């Protein structure tokens, strides 16, 4: 899975990239194993709000003008990524069922 990770007012370190790879990319790769490689491109944007919660946004385009979008907020980045992955998985399963 090709994830483009960016940070808004947040430095995306190698450790953060590794955590995103572990919690998001690997799970989605299993779910999307039959999708073509060009379909496996997504953007993740990580930021921190005024209360120091992590805001994580996921955006991905699929054929048929379908868009997978998920947004989550949590005090701990790992928890935010787990919630985000679950939301994305539900949307991809629904997409696979209708196509």
N, C-alpha and C. Protein backbone atom coordinates (compact mmCIF):
# COMPACT_ATOMS: atom_id res chain seq x y z
N UNK A 1 0.86 -1.17 0.00
CA UNK A 1 0.00 0.00 0.00
C UNK A 1 0.90 1.23 0.00
N UNK A 2 0.58 2.17 -0.86
CA UNK A 2 1.35 3.40 -0.96
C UNK A 2 0.64 4.50 -0.17
N UNK A 3 1.16 4.81 1.00
CA UNK A 3 0.58 5.84 1.85
C UNK A 3 1.45 7.09 1.80
N UNK A 4 0.83 8.22 1.54
CA UNK A 4 1.52 9.50 1.59
C UNK A 4 1.15 10.14 2.92
N UNK A 5 2.12 10.22 3.82
CA UNK A 5 1.87 10.71 5.17
C UNK A 5 2.39 12.13 5.30
N UNK A 6 1.51 13.03 5.70
CA UNK A 6 1.91 14.42 5.91
C UNK A 6 1.48 14.87 7.31
N UNK A 7 2.17 15.86 7.80
CA UNK A 7 1.84 16.40 9.11
C UNK A 7 1.53 17.87 9.02
N UNK A 8 0.50 18.29 9.70
CA UNK A 8 0.14 19.71 9.80
C UNK A 8 0.45 20.14 11.22
N UNK A 9 1.40 21.02 11.36
CA UNK A 9 1.86 21.45 12.69
C UNK A 9 2.30 20.25 13.52
N UNK A 10 2.80 19.27 12.84
CA UNK A 10 3.24 18.03 13.48
C UNK A 10 4.36 17.43 12.65
N UNK A 11 5.47 17.10 13.29
CA UNK A 11 6.61 16.51 12.61
C UNK A 11 6.40 15.01 12.47
N UNK A 12 6.35 14.53 11.24
CA UNK A 12 6.16 13.10 10.99
C UNK A 12 7.53 12.43 11.00
N UNK A 13 7.85 11.81 12.11
CA UNK A 13 9.15 11.16 12.29
C UNK A 13 9.13 9.76 11.67
N UNK A 14 10.29 9.14 11.62
CA UNK A 14 10.38 7.77 11.13
C UNK A 14 9.58 6.82 12.02
N UNK A 15 9.59 7.10 13.31
CA UNK A 15 8.83 6.28 14.26
C UNK A 15 7.33 6.38 13.97
N UNK A 16 6.86 7.59 13.66
CA UNK A 16 5.44 7.78 13.32
C UNK A 16 5.11 7.05 12.03
N UNK A 17 5.98 7.15 11.03
CA UNK A 17 5.75 6.45 9.76
C UNK A 17 5.68 4.95 9.97
N UNK A 18 6.55 4.43 10.82
CA UNK A 18 6.56 2.99 11.10
C UNK A 18 5.25 2.58 11.79
N UNK A 19 4.77 3.39 12.71
CA UNK A 19 3.52 3.11 13.41
C UNK A 19 2.33 3.12 12.44
N UNK A 20 2.30 4.09 11.53
CA UNK A 20 1.23 4.15 10.52
C UNK A 20 1.30 2.92 9.63
N UNK A 21 2.50 2.55 9.22
CA UNK A 21 2.68 1.36 8.39
C UNK A 21 2.16 0.11 9.11
N UNK A 22 2.48 -0.01 10.37
CA UNK A 22 2.08 -1.18 11.16
C UNK A 22 0.58 -1.22 11.41
N UNK A 23 -0.01 -0.10 11.79
CA UNK A 23 -1.41 -0.08 12.21
C UNK A 23 -2.40 0.12 11.06
N UNK A 24 -1.98 0.76 9.98
CA UNK A 24 -2.92 1.05 8.90
C UNK A 24 -2.57 0.26 7.64
N UNK A 25 -1.40 0.48 7.11
CA UNK A 25 -1.03 -0.06 5.81
C UNK A 25 -1.09 -1.58 5.75
N UNK A 26 -0.53 -2.25 6.74
CA UNK A 26 -0.51 -3.71 6.71
C UNK A 26 -1.91 -4.31 6.76
N UNK A 27 -2.80 -3.72 7.55
CA UNK A 27 -4.17 -4.23 7.65
C UNK A 27 -4.93 -4.00 6.34
N UNK A 28 -4.75 -2.84 5.76
CA UNK A 28 -5.46 -2.55 4.51
C UNK A 28 -4.91 -3.36 3.35
N UNK A 29 -3.63 -3.62 3.37
CA UNK A 29 -3.01 -4.43 2.31
C UNK A 29 -3.66 -5.81 2.26
N UNK A 30 -3.90 -6.41 3.41
CA UNK A 30 -4.56 -7.72 3.47
C UNK A 30 -5.98 -7.64 2.93
N UNK A 31 -6.67 -6.57 3.26
CA UNK A 31 -8.06 -6.39 2.85
C UNK A 31 -8.16 -6.10 1.35
N UNK A 32 -7.14 -5.47 0.79
CA UNK A 32 -7.17 -5.04 -0.61
C UNK A 32 -6.21 -5.84 -1.48
N UNK A 33 -5.93 -7.07 -1.11
CA UNK A 33 -4.92 -7.84 -1.84
C UNK A 33 -5.27 -8.08 -3.30
N UNK A 34 -6.56 -8.07 -3.66
CA UNK A 34 -6.96 -8.30 -5.05
C UNK A 34 -7.11 -7.00 -5.85
N UNK A 35 -6.89 -5.86 -5.21
CA UNK A 35 -6.97 -4.58 -5.89
C UNK A 35 -5.67 -4.35 -6.66
N UNK A 36 -5.75 -3.64 -7.77
CA UNK A 36 -4.55 -3.32 -8.54
C UNK A 36 -3.67 -2.33 -7.77
N UNK A 37 -2.36 -2.33 -8.02
CA UNK A 37 -1.44 -1.46 -7.27
C UNK A 37 -1.78 0.03 -7.34
N UNK A 38 -2.27 0.50 -8.50
CA UNK A 38 -2.59 1.93 -8.60
C UNK A 38 -3.80 2.32 -7.74
N UNK A 39 -4.60 1.35 -7.35
CA UNK A 39 -5.74 1.62 -6.47
C UNK A 39 -5.32 1.70 -5.01
N UNK A 40 -4.12 1.27 -4.70
CA UNK A 40 -3.66 1.21 -3.33
C UNK A 40 -2.83 2.44 -2.96
N UNK A 41 -3.32 3.60 -3.31
CA UNK A 41 -2.65 4.86 -2.98
C UNK A 41 -3.60 5.70 -2.15
N UNK A 42 -3.11 6.20 -1.03
CA UNK A 42 -3.95 6.99 -0.13
C UNK A 42 -3.11 8.07 0.55
N UNK A 43 -3.80 9.05 1.10
CA UNK A 43 -3.15 10.13 1.84
C UNK A 43 -3.61 10.07 3.30
N UNK A 44 -2.66 10.24 4.18
CA UNK A 44 -2.95 10.35 5.61
C UNK A 44 -2.37 11.67 6.09
N UNK A 45 -3.21 12.44 6.76
CA UNK A 45 -2.77 13.73 7.30
C UNK A 45 -2.90 13.68 8.82
N UNK A 46 -1.83 13.98 9.52
CA UNK A 46 -1.81 13.94 10.98
C UNK A 46 -1.57 15.35 11.50
N UNK A 47 -2.37 15.74 12.48
CA UNK A 47 -2.18 17.04 13.11
C UNK A 47 -2.54 16.92 14.59
N UNK A 48 -2.25 17.98 15.32
CA UNK A 48 -2.62 18.04 16.74
C UNK A 48 -3.52 19.25 16.93
N UNK A 49 -4.58 19.07 17.72
CA UNK A 49 -5.48 20.19 17.99
C UNK A 49 -5.02 20.93 19.24
N UNK A 50 -5.80 21.91 19.64
CA UNK A 50 -5.44 22.74 20.80
C UNK A 50 -5.36 21.96 22.10
N UNK A 51 -6.10 20.86 22.18
CA UNK A 51 -6.10 20.03 23.38
C UNK A 51 -5.04 18.93 23.31
N UNK A 52 -4.18 19.02 22.31
CA UNK A 52 -3.09 18.06 22.08
C UNK A 52 -3.58 16.67 21.70
N UNK A 53 -4.80 16.59 21.15
CA UNK A 53 -5.30 15.34 20.59
C UNK A 53 -4.78 15.20 19.17
N UNK A 54 -4.52 13.98 18.75
CA UNK A 54 -4.12 13.73 17.38
C UNK A 54 -5.35 13.68 16.49
N UNK A 55 -5.33 14.43 15.41
CA UNK A 55 -6.37 14.39 14.39
C UNK A 55 -5.77 13.66 13.20
N UNK A 56 -6.40 12.57 12.77
CA UNK A 56 -5.87 11.79 11.66
C UNK A 56 -6.95 11.68 10.59
N UNK A 57 -6.60 12.09 9.36
CA UNK A 57 -7.51 12.02 8.22
C UNK A 57 -6.96 11.05 7.19
N UNK A 58 -7.84 10.26 6.60
CA UNK A 58 -7.47 9.30 5.56
C UNK A 58 -8.32 9.60 4.35
N UNK A 59 -7.71 9.61 3.17
CA UNK A 59 -8.44 9.89 1.93
C UNK A 59 -7.91 8.99 0.83
N UNK A 60 -8.84 8.33 0.11
CA UNK A 60 -8.45 7.40 -0.95
C UNK A 60 -9.53 7.37 -2.02
N UNK A 61 -9.12 7.42 -3.27
CA UNK A 61 -10.05 7.34 -4.41
C UNK A 61 -10.10 5.91 -4.92
N UNK A 62 -11.30 5.43 -5.21
CA UNK A 62 -11.49 4.11 -5.78
C UNK A 62 -12.24 4.24 -7.10
N UNK A 63 -12.15 3.24 -7.98
CA UNK A 63 -12.88 3.30 -9.25
C UNK A 63 -14.38 3.47 -9.03
N UNK A 64 -15.03 4.06 -10.01
CA UNK A 64 -16.45 4.32 -9.88
C UNK A 64 -16.72 5.59 -9.10
N UNK A 65 -15.71 6.46 -9.05
CA UNK A 65 -15.81 7.74 -8.33
C UNK A 65 -16.14 7.56 -6.86
N UNK A 66 -15.77 6.42 -6.33
CA UNK A 66 -15.96 6.17 -4.90
C UNK A 66 -14.78 6.77 -4.14
N UNK A 67 -15.07 7.31 -3.00
CA UNK A 67 -14.03 7.88 -2.16
C UNK A 67 -14.14 7.29 -0.76
N UNK A 68 -13.01 6.86 -0.25
CA UNK A 68 -12.94 6.38 1.12
C UNK A 68 -12.36 7.54 1.93
N UNK A 69 -13.10 7.98 2.92
CA UNK A 69 -12.62 9.06 3.77
C UNK A 69 -12.95 8.70 5.22
N UNK A 70 -11.97 8.89 6.07
CA UNK A 70 -12.19 8.66 7.50
C UNK A 70 -11.40 9.69 8.28
N UNK A 71 -11.96 10.05 9.42
CA UNK A 71 -11.32 11.04 10.28
C UNK A 71 -11.50 10.58 11.72
N UNK A 72 -10.44 10.70 12.49
CA UNK A 72 -10.53 10.30 13.89
C UNK A 72 -9.69 11.23 14.74
N UNK A 73 -10.00 11.23 16.01
CA UNK A 73 -9.28 12.07 16.95
C UNK A 73 -9.09 11.29 18.24
N UNK A 74 -7.88 11.33 18.76
CA UNK A 74 -7.61 10.62 20.01
C UNK A 74 -6.37 11.22 20.65
N UNK A 75 -6.27 11.09 21.94
CA UNK A 75 -5.11 11.62 22.68
C UNK A 75 -3.83 10.85 22.35
N UNK A 76 -3.97 9.55 22.05
CA UNK A 76 -2.84 8.69 21.74
C UNK A 76 -2.86 8.36 20.24
N UNK A 77 -1.76 8.58 19.56
CA UNK A 77 -1.70 8.37 18.11
C UNK A 77 -2.02 6.93 17.74
N UNK A 78 -1.50 5.97 18.48
CA UNK A 78 -1.74 4.56 18.18
C UNK A 78 -3.24 4.25 18.23
N UNK A 79 -3.94 4.76 19.21
CA UNK A 79 -5.39 4.55 19.32
C UNK A 79 -6.13 5.22 18.18
N UNK A 80 -5.69 6.40 17.80
CA UNK A 80 -6.32 7.10 16.67
C UNK A 80 -6.16 6.29 15.39
N UNK A 81 -4.99 5.70 15.18
CA UNK A 81 -4.75 4.90 13.98
C UNK A 81 -5.58 3.62 13.98
N UNK A 82 -5.75 3.01 15.13
CA UNK A 82 -6.58 1.80 15.22
C UNK A 82 -8.03 2.14 14.89
N UNK A 83 -8.57 3.22 15.46
CA UNK A 83 -9.94 3.65 15.15
C UNK A 83 -10.08 3.97 13.66
N UNK A 84 -9.08 4.64 13.11
CA UNK A 84 -9.09 5.01 11.70
C UNK A 84 -9.13 3.77 10.81
N UNK A 85 -8.30 2.79 11.13
CA UNK A 85 -8.24 1.56 10.35
C UNK A 85 -9.59 0.83 10.37
N UNK A 86 -10.23 0.79 11.52
CA UNK A 86 -11.54 0.13 11.61
C UNK A 86 -12.58 0.83 10.74
N UNK A 87 -12.56 2.16 10.74
CA UNK A 87 -13.51 2.92 9.93
C UNK A 87 -13.25 2.69 8.44
N UNK A 88 -11.99 2.64 8.05
CA UNK A 88 -11.63 2.42 6.65
C UNK A 88 -12.02 1.01 6.23
N UNK A 89 -11.76 0.03 7.07
CA UNK A 89 -12.10 -1.36 6.76
C UNK A 89 -13.59 -1.51 6.49
N UNK A 90 -14.42 -0.88 7.31
CA UNK A 90 -15.88 -0.96 7.10
C UNK A 90 -16.26 -0.40 5.73
N UNK A 91 -15.66 0.71 5.35
CA UNK A 91 -15.98 1.33 4.06
C UNK A 91 -15.49 0.48 2.88
N UNK A 92 -14.32 -0.11 3.00
CA UNK A 92 -13.79 -0.94 1.91
C UNK A 92 -14.62 -2.21 1.77
N UNK A 93 -15.03 -2.81 2.87
CA UNK A 93 -15.88 -4.01 2.81
C UNK A 93 -17.20 -3.66 2.13
N UNK A 94 -17.78 -2.54 2.47
CA UNK A 94 -19.02 -2.10 1.83
C UNK A 94 -18.82 -1.86 0.35
N UNK A 95 -17.69 -1.25 -0.03
CA UNK A 95 -17.37 -1.02 -1.44
C UNK A 95 -17.24 -2.34 -2.19
N UNK A 96 -16.55 -3.30 -1.59
CA UNK A 96 -16.36 -4.60 -2.24
C UNK A 96 -17.68 -5.34 -2.42
N UNK A 97 -18.60 -5.17 -1.49
CA UNK A 97 -19.91 -5.84 -1.57
C UNK A 97 -20.76 -5.25 -2.69
N UNK A 98 -20.63 -3.98 -2.96
CA UNK A 98 -21.47 -3.33 -3.97
C UNK A 98 -20.84 -3.35 -5.36
N UNK A 99 -19.59 -3.73 -5.48
CA UNK A 99 -18.93 -3.76 -6.80
C UNK A 99 -18.44 -5.13 -7.16
